[in-house]
C-alpha cells in the first residue's frame, strides 16, 4: 500500500503490520506505534518528528533523508534499517535491537544507549561522545573513526571491533576491556 505524501499526523498504530509499504514524504508527526511491524518499508523524506514507538519493529526499512527529530524508540527492533542523511537530532533510544543498522556519520553524543544491541551495525564516524553504552552489544560493529571521548563502555561487548582504531580519551572501561585494549595495542602484560 502506498501512503506516499499522506498526512498521518498523530495516528495510532497498535499491533499493525505493514509489508513493503511506501511512506515516502508522508507526514507522521507525533505518530504512536505499539507492537507494530514495518517490514521493508520506505520512509524516504518522511516526517516522523516527536513520534513515539514502543515494542515495534522496523525491519530492513529505509529512513533516507527522513526527519526523526525528537522521536522515541522504546525496546524497538530496527535490524537492517538505514538512516542515510536522516535527521536524528534529539532521538531517544532505550533498549532494543539495532543490529545491522546503518548509522554512519550520525551524532548520538550524550545518548543513553545502555543495553542496546548494535551487533554488526555501521557506526562509522558516529559521534558517541559521552554516550552511555554500558552493557551494549557492539559485537563486530564498524566503529572506524567513531568519537568515543568520555563515553561509558563498561560491560559492553566489543568482540570483533577494531580496538586499535578507537580513540579512548576519557572513556570508562571495565578491567576486562582495559586488558582487551592493551593487548590490541601490543602492550605486553606480565606479572612480577
C-alpha atoms as a PDB file:
ATOM      1  CA  UNK A   1       0.000   0.000   0.000  1.00  0.00           C
ATOM      2  CA  UNK A   2       1.258   3.490  -0.758  1.00  0.00           C
ATOM      3  CA  UNK A   3       0.932   6.186   1.898  1.00  0.00           C
ATOM      4  CA  UNK A   4       3.277   8.444  -0.048  1.00  0.00           C
ATOM      5  CA  UNK A   5       2.722  12.113   0.760  1.00  0.00           C
ATOM      6  CA  UNK A   6      -0.193  11.357   3.097  1.00  0.00           C
ATOM      7  CA  UNK A   7      -0.979  13.345   6.240  1.00  0.00           C
ATOM      8  CA  UNK A   8      -0.995  10.783   9.062  1.00  0.00           C
ATOM      9  CA  UNK A   9      -0.100  13.080  11.951  1.00  0.00           C
ATOM     10  CA  UNK A  10      -0.976  11.746  15.427  1.00  0.00           C
ATOM     11  CA  UNK A  11      -2.096   8.372  14.012  1.00  0.00           C
ATOM     12  CA  UNK A  12      -2.184   5.404  16.391  1.00  0.00           C
ATOM     13  CA  UNK A  13      -0.774   2.145  15.009  1.00  0.00           C
ATOM     14  CA  UNK A  14      -1.295  -0.561  17.615  1.00  0.00           C
ATOM     15  CA  UNK A  15      -0.403  -4.143  16.644  1.00  0.00           C
ATOM     16  CA  UNK A  16      -0.481  -3.277  12.939  1.00  0.00           C
ATOM     17  CA  UNK A  17       1.623  -4.923  10.214  1.00  0.00           C
ATOM     18  CA  UNK A  18       2.939  -3.129   7.110  1.00  0.00           C
ATOM     19  CA  UNK A  19       4.926  -5.046   4.474  1.00  0.00           C
ATOM     20  CA  UNK A  20       6.768  -3.205   1.643  1.00  0.00           C
ATOM     21  CA  UNK A  21       4.613  -0.107   2.157  1.00  0.00           C
ATOM     22  CA  UNK A  22       5.570   3.289   0.788  1.00  0.00           C
ATOM     23  CA  UNK A  23       5.623   6.151   3.316  1.00  0.00           C
ATOM     24  CA  UNK A  24       7.828   8.428   1.179  1.00  0.00           C
ATOM     25  CA  UNK A  25       7.223  12.082   2.022  1.00  0.00           C
ATOM     26  CA  UNK A  26       4.418  11.175   4.446  1.00  0.00           C
ATOM     27  CA  UNK A  27       3.772  13.335   7.494  1.00  0.00           C
ATOM     28  CA  UNK A  28       3.821  11.071  10.556  1.00  0.00           C
ATOM     29  CA  UNK A  29       4.411  13.753  13.189  1.00  0.00           C
ATOM     30  CA  UNK A  30       3.538  12.569  16.726  1.00  0.00           C
ATOM     31  CA  UNK A  31       2.565   9.118  15.419  1.00  0.00           C
ATOM     32  CA  UNK A  32       2.333   6.449  18.102  1.00  0.00           C
ATOM     33  CA  UNK A  33       3.206   2.812  17.309  1.00  0.00           C
ATOM     34  CA  UNK A  34       2.802  -0.044  19.763  1.00  0.00           C
ATOM     35  CA  UNK A  35       3.928  -3.603  18.954  1.00  0.00           C
ATOM     36  CA  UNK A  36       3.609  -2.877  15.232  1.00  0.00           C
ATOM     37  CA  UNK A  37       5.753  -4.273  12.409  1.00  0.00           C
ATOM     38  CA  UNK A  38       7.056  -2.320   9.408  1.00  0.00           C
ATOM     39  CA  UNK A  39       8.827  -4.782   7.105  1.00  0.00           C
ATOM     40  CA  UNK A  40      10.886  -3.422   4.165  1.00  0.00           C
ATOM     41  CA  UNK A  41       9.016  -0.101   4.183  1.00  0.00           C
ATOM     42  CA  UNK A  42      10.258   3.139   2.605  1.00  0.00           C
ATOM     43  CA  UNK A  43      10.270   6.322   4.713  1.00  0.00           C
ATOM     44  CA  UNK A  44      12.305   8.454   2.290  1.00  0.00           C
ATOM     45  CA  UNK A  45      11.855  12.108   3.260  1.00  0.00           C
ATOM     46  CA  UNK A  46       9.072  11.265   5.731  1.00  0.00           C
ATOM     47  CA  UNK A  47       8.407  13.456   8.781  1.00  0.00           C
ATOM     48  CA  UNK A  48       8.413  11.369  11.992  1.00  0.00           C
ATOM     49  CA  UNK A  49       9.153  14.220  14.371  1.00  0.00           C
ATOM     50  CA  UNK A  50       8.129  13.639  18.001  1.00  0.00           C
ATOM     51  CA  UNK A  51       6.858  10.163  17.116  1.00  0.00           C
ATOM     52  CA  UNK A  52       6.741   7.502  19.841  1.00  0.00           C
ATOM     53  CA  UNK A  53       7.431   3.816  19.195  1.00  0.00           C
ATOM     54  CA  UNK A  54       7.200   1.080  21.798  1.00  0.00           C
ATOM     55  CA  UNK A  55       7.943  -2.584  21.146  1.00  0.00           C
ATOM     56  CA  UNK A  56       7.626  -2.000  17.396  1.00  0.00           C
ATOM     57  CA  UNK A  57       9.827  -3.441  14.638  1.00  0.00           C
ATOM     58  CA  UNK A  58      11.197  -1.600  11.602  1.00  0.00           C
ATOM     59  CA  UNK A  59      12.874  -4.403   9.650  1.00  0.00           C
ATOM     60  CA  UNK A  60      15.092  -3.524   6.672  1.00  0.00           C
ATOM     61  CA  UNK A  61      13.391  -0.147   6.332  1.00  0.00           C
ATOM     62  CA  UNK A  62      14.891   2.931   4.679  1.00  0.00           C
ATOM     63  CA  UNK A  63      14.702   6.251   6.537  1.00  0.00           C
ATOM     64  CA  UNK A  64      16.825   8.086   3.973  1.00  0.00           C
ATOM     65  CA  UNK A  65      16.503  11.875   4.405  1.00  0.00           C
ATOM     66  CA  UNK A  66      13.669  11.351   6.927  1.00  0.00           C
ATOM     67  CA  UNK A  67      13.237  13.673   9.899  1.00  0.00           C
ATOM     68  CA  UNK A  68      13.031  11.856  13.236  1.00  0.00           C
ATOM     69  CA  UNK A  69      13.622  14.926  15.390  1.00  0.00           C
ATOM     70  CA  UNK A  70      12.666  14.057  18.988  1.00  0.00           C
ATOM     71  CA  UNK A  71      11.443  10.544  18.102  1.00  0.00           C
ATOM     72  CA  UNK A  72      11.424   7.936  20.890  1.00  0.00           C
ATOM     73  CA  UNK A  73      12.156   4.225  20.379  1.00  0.00           C
ATOM     74  CA  UNK A  74      11.481   2.081  23.456  1.00  0.00           C
ATOM     75  CA  UNK A  75      12.584  -1.553  23.128  1.00  0.00           C
ATOM     76  CA  UNK A  76      12.159  -1.485  19.347  1.00  0.00           C
ATOM     77  CA  UNK A  77      13.790  -3.672  16.719  1.00  0.00           C
ATOM     78  CA  UNK A  78      15.331  -1.805  13.766  1.00  0.00           C
ATOM     79  CA  UNK A  79      17.521  -4.552  12.292  1.00  0.00           C
ATOM     80  CA  UNK A  80      18.859  -3.851   8.830  1.00  0.00           C
ATOM     81  CA  UNK A  81      17.378  -0.362   8.605  1.00  0.00           C
ATOM     82  CA  UNK A  82      19.272   2.585   7.099  1.00  0.00           C
ATOM     83  CA  UNK A  83      19.352   6.226   8.186  1.00  0.00           C
ATOM     84  CA  UNK A  84      21.364   7.908   5.414  1.00  0.00           C
ATOM     85  CA  UNK A  85      21.044  11.706   5.645  1.00  0.00           C
ATOM     86  CA  UNK A  86      18.260  11.373   8.250  1.00  0.00           C
ATOM     87  CA  UNK A  87      17.762  13.954  10.996  1.00  0.00           C
ATOM     88  CA  UNK A  88      18.221  12.094  14.295  1.00  0.00           C
ATOM     89  CA  UNK A  89      18.558  15.190  16.490  1.00  0.00           C
ATOM     90  CA  UNK A  90      17.001  14.590  19.894  1.00  0.00           C
ATOM     91  CA  UNK A  91      16.186  10.942  19.154  1.00  0.00           C
ATOM     92  CA  UNK A  92      15.880   8.786  22.268  1.00  0.00           C
ATOM     93  CA  UNK A  93      16.736   5.084  22.053  1.00  0.00           C
ATOM     94  CA  UNK A  94      16.004   2.909  25.051  1.00  0.00           C
ATOM     95  CA  UNK A  95      16.918  -0.761  24.770  1.00  0.00           C
ATOM     96  CA  UNK A  96      16.029  -2.753  21.689  1.00  0.00           C
ATOM     97  CA  UNK A  97      17.863  -4.292  18.752  1.00  0.00           C
ATOM     98  CA  UNK A  98      19.603  -2.005  16.242  1.00  0.00           C
ATOM     99  CA  UNK A  99      21.751  -4.763  14.715  1.00  0.00           C
ATOM    100  CA  UNK A 100      22.896  -4.349  11.107  1.00  0.00           C
ATOM    101  CA  UNK A 101      21.642  -0.737  11.001  1.00  0.00           C
ATOM    102  CA  UNK A 102      23.405   1.971   9.032  1.00  0.00           C
ATOM    103  CA  UNK A 103      24.017   4.882  11.405  1.00  0.00           C
ATOM    104  CA  UNK A 104      27.112   6.227   9.630  1.00  0.00           C
ATOM    105  CA  UNK A 105      28.151   9.782  10.466  1.00  0.00           C
ATOM    106  CA  UNK A 106      25.289  10.389  12.916  1.00  0.00           C
ATOM    107  CA  UNK A 107      25.592  12.468  16.060  1.00  0.00           C
ATOM    108  CA  UNK A 108      24.431  10.411  19.044  1.00  0.00           C
ATOM    109  CA  UNK A 109      26.546  12.188  21.632  1.00  0.00           C
ATOM    110  CA  UNK A 110      25.304  12.074  25.207  1.00  0.00           C
ATOM    111  CA  UNK A 111      22.725   9.392  24.382  1.00  0.00           C
ATOM    112  CA  UNK A 112      21.716   6.772  26.937  1.00  0.00           C
ATOM    113  CA  UNK A 113      22.265   3.619  24.859  1.00  0.00           C
ATOM    114  CA  UNK A 114      22.541   1.138  27.701  1.00  0.00           C
ATOM    115  CA  UNK A 115      21.778  -2.472  26.735  1.00  0.00           C
ATOM    116  CA  UNK A 116      21.049  -1.557  23.086  1.00  0.00           C
ATOM    117  CA  UNK A 117      22.090  -4.262  20.645  1.00  0.00           C
ATOM    118  CA  UNK A 118      24.278  -2.887  17.820  1.00  0.00           C
ATOM    119  CA  UNK A 119      25.634  -6.209  16.507  1.00  0.00           C
ATOM    120  CA  UNK A 120      27.382  -5.575  13.160  1.00  0.00           C
ATOM    121  CA  UNK A 121      25.880  -2.078  12.992  1.00  0.00           C
ATOM    122  CA  UNK A 122      27.666   0.502  10.845  1.00  0.00           C
ATOM    123  CA  UNK A 123      28.702   3.219  13.296  1.00  0.00           C
ATOM    124  CA  UNK A 124      31.426   4.608  11.029  1.00  0.00           C
ATOM    125  CA  UNK A 125      32.480   8.087  12.200  1.00  0.00           C
ATOM    126  CA  UNK A 126      29.499   8.379  14.562  1.00  0.00           C
ATOM    127  CA  UNK A 127      29.780  10.874  17.361  1.00  0.00           C
ATOM    128  CA  UNK A 128      29.247   8.884  20.560  1.00  0.00           C
ATOM    129  CA  UNK A 129      30.972  11.356  22.862  1.00  0.00           C
ATOM    130  CA  UNK A 130      29.743  10.988  26.457  1.00  0.00           C
ATOM    131  CA  UNK A 131      27.269   8.290  25.357  1.00  0.00           C
ATOM    132  CA  UNK A 132      26.287   5.700  27.947  1.00  0.00           C
ATOM    133  CA  UNK A 133      26.948   2.354  26.249  1.00  0.00           C
ATOM    134  CA  UNK A 134      27.050   0.217  29.374  1.00  0.00           C
ATOM    135  CA  UNK A 135      26.139  -3.406  28.606  1.00  0.00           C
ATOM    136  CA  UNK A 136      25.500  -2.548  24.933  1.00  0.00           C
ATOM    137  CA  UNK A 137      26.229  -5.255  22.367  1.00  0.00           C
ATOM    138  CA  UNK A 138      28.741  -3.807  19.872  1.00  0.00           C
ATOM    139  CA  UNK A 139      29.862  -7.232  18.616  1.00  0.00           C
ATOM    140  CA  UNK A 140      31.513  -6.821  15.186  1.00  0.00           C
ATOM    141  CA  UNK A 141      30.199  -3.233  14.824  1.00  0.00           C
ATOM    142  CA  UNK A 142      32.062  -0.963  12.397  1.00  0.00           C
ATOM    143  CA  UNK A 143      33.394   1.738  14.701  1.00  0.00           C
ATOM    144  CA  UNK A 144      36.166   3.100  12.480  1.00  0.00           C
ATOM    145  CA  UNK A 145      36.572   6.816  13.148  1.00  0.00           C
ATOM    146  CA  UNK A 146      33.896   6.773  15.862  1.00  0.00           C
ATOM    147  CA  UNK A 147      34.280   9.504  18.508  1.00  0.00           C
ATOM    148  CA  UNK A 148      34.035   7.980  21.979  1.00  0.00           C
ATOM    149  CA  UNK A 149      35.549  10.688  24.183  1.00  0.00           C
ATOM    150  CA  UNK A 150      34.064  10.454  27.658  1.00  0.00           C
ATOM    151  CA  UNK A 151      31.799   7.514  26.726  1.00  0.00           C
ATOM    152  CA  UNK A 152      30.976   4.763  29.224  1.00  0.00           C
ATOM    153  CA  UNK A 153      31.695   1.329  27.720  1.00  0.00           C
ATOM    154  CA  UNK A 154      31.679  -0.720  30.911  1.00  0.00           C
ATOM    155  CA  UNK A 155      30.175  -4.149  30.300  1.00  0.00           C
ATOM    156  CA  UNK A 156      29.757  -3.564  26.547  1.00  0.00           C
ATOM    157  CA  UNK A 157      30.507  -6.482  24.205  1.00  0.00           C
ATOM    158  CA  UNK A 158      33.380  -5.448  21.944  1.00  0.00           C
ATOM    159  CA  UNK A 159      34.385  -8.736  20.290  1.00  0.00           C
ATOM    160  CA  UNK A 160      35.250  -8.231  16.634  1.00  0.00           C
ATOM    161  CA  UNK A 161      35.585  -4.433  16.968  1.00  0.00           C
ATOM    162  CA  UNK A 162      38.861  -2.994  15.664  1.00  0.00           C
ATOM    163  CA  UNK A 163      40.063  -1.713  19.030  1.00  0.00           C
ATOM    164  CA  UNK A 164      43.236  -0.215  17.547  1.00  0.00           C
ATOM    165  CA  UNK A 165      41.239   2.385  15.604  1.00  0.00           C
ATOM    166  CA  UNK A 166      39.359   3.781  18.610  1.00  0.00           C
ATOM    167  CA  UNK A 167      40.273   6.984  20.428  1.00  0.00           C
ATOM    168  CA  UNK A 168      39.767   6.389  24.124  1.00  0.00           C
ATOM    169  CA  UNK A 169      40.284   9.778  25.764  1.00  0.00           C
ATOM    170  CA  UNK A 170      38.246   9.819  28.973  1.00  0.00           C
ATOM    171  CA  UNK A 171      36.454   6.530  28.145  1.00  0.00           C
ATOM    172  CA  UNK A 172      35.251   4.435  31.086  1.00  0.00           C
ATOM    173  CA  UNK A 173      36.199   0.753  30.776  1.00  0.00           C
ATOM    174  CA  UNK A 174      35.942  -2.292  32.993  1.00  0.00           C
ATOM    175  CA  UNK A 175      39.065  -4.350  33.789  1.00  0.00           C
ATOM    176  CA  UNK A 176      38.422  -6.966  31.077  1.00  0.00           C
ATOM    177  CA  UNK A 177      38.007  -4.269  28.420  1.00  0.00           C
ATOM    178  CA  UNK A 178      41.158  -2.477  29.574  1.00  0.00           C
ATOM    179  CA  UNK A 179      43.066  -5.736  29.055  1.00  0.00           C
ATOM    180  CA  UNK A 180      41.484  -6.165  25.593  1.00  0.00           C
ATOM    181  CA  UNK A 181      42.566  -2.650  24.586  1.00  0.00           C
ATOM    182  CA  UNK A 182      46.064  -3.134  25.966  1.00  0.00           C
ATOM    183  CA  UNK A 183      46.518  -6.385  24.042  1.00  0.00           C
ATOM    184  CA  UNK A 184      45.086  -4.826  20.855  1.00  0.00           C
ATOM    185  CA  UNK A 185      47.715  -2.095  21.105  1.00  0.00           C
ATOM    186  CA  UNK A 186      50.551  -4.605  21.528  1.00  0.00           C
ATOM    187  CA  UNK A 187      51.165  -3.961  25.203  1.00  0.00           C
ATOM    188  CA  UNK A 188      52.755  -6.913  26.997  1.00  0.00           C
ATOM    189  CA  UNK A 189      51.211  -7.640  30.367  1.00  0.00           C
ATOM    190  CA  UNK A 190      53.439  -9.567  32.732  1.00  0.00           C
ATOM    191  CA  UNK A 191      53.356 -10.372  36.420  1.00  0.00           C
ATOM    192  CA  UNK A 192      56.353  -9.724  38.620  1.00  0.00           C
END
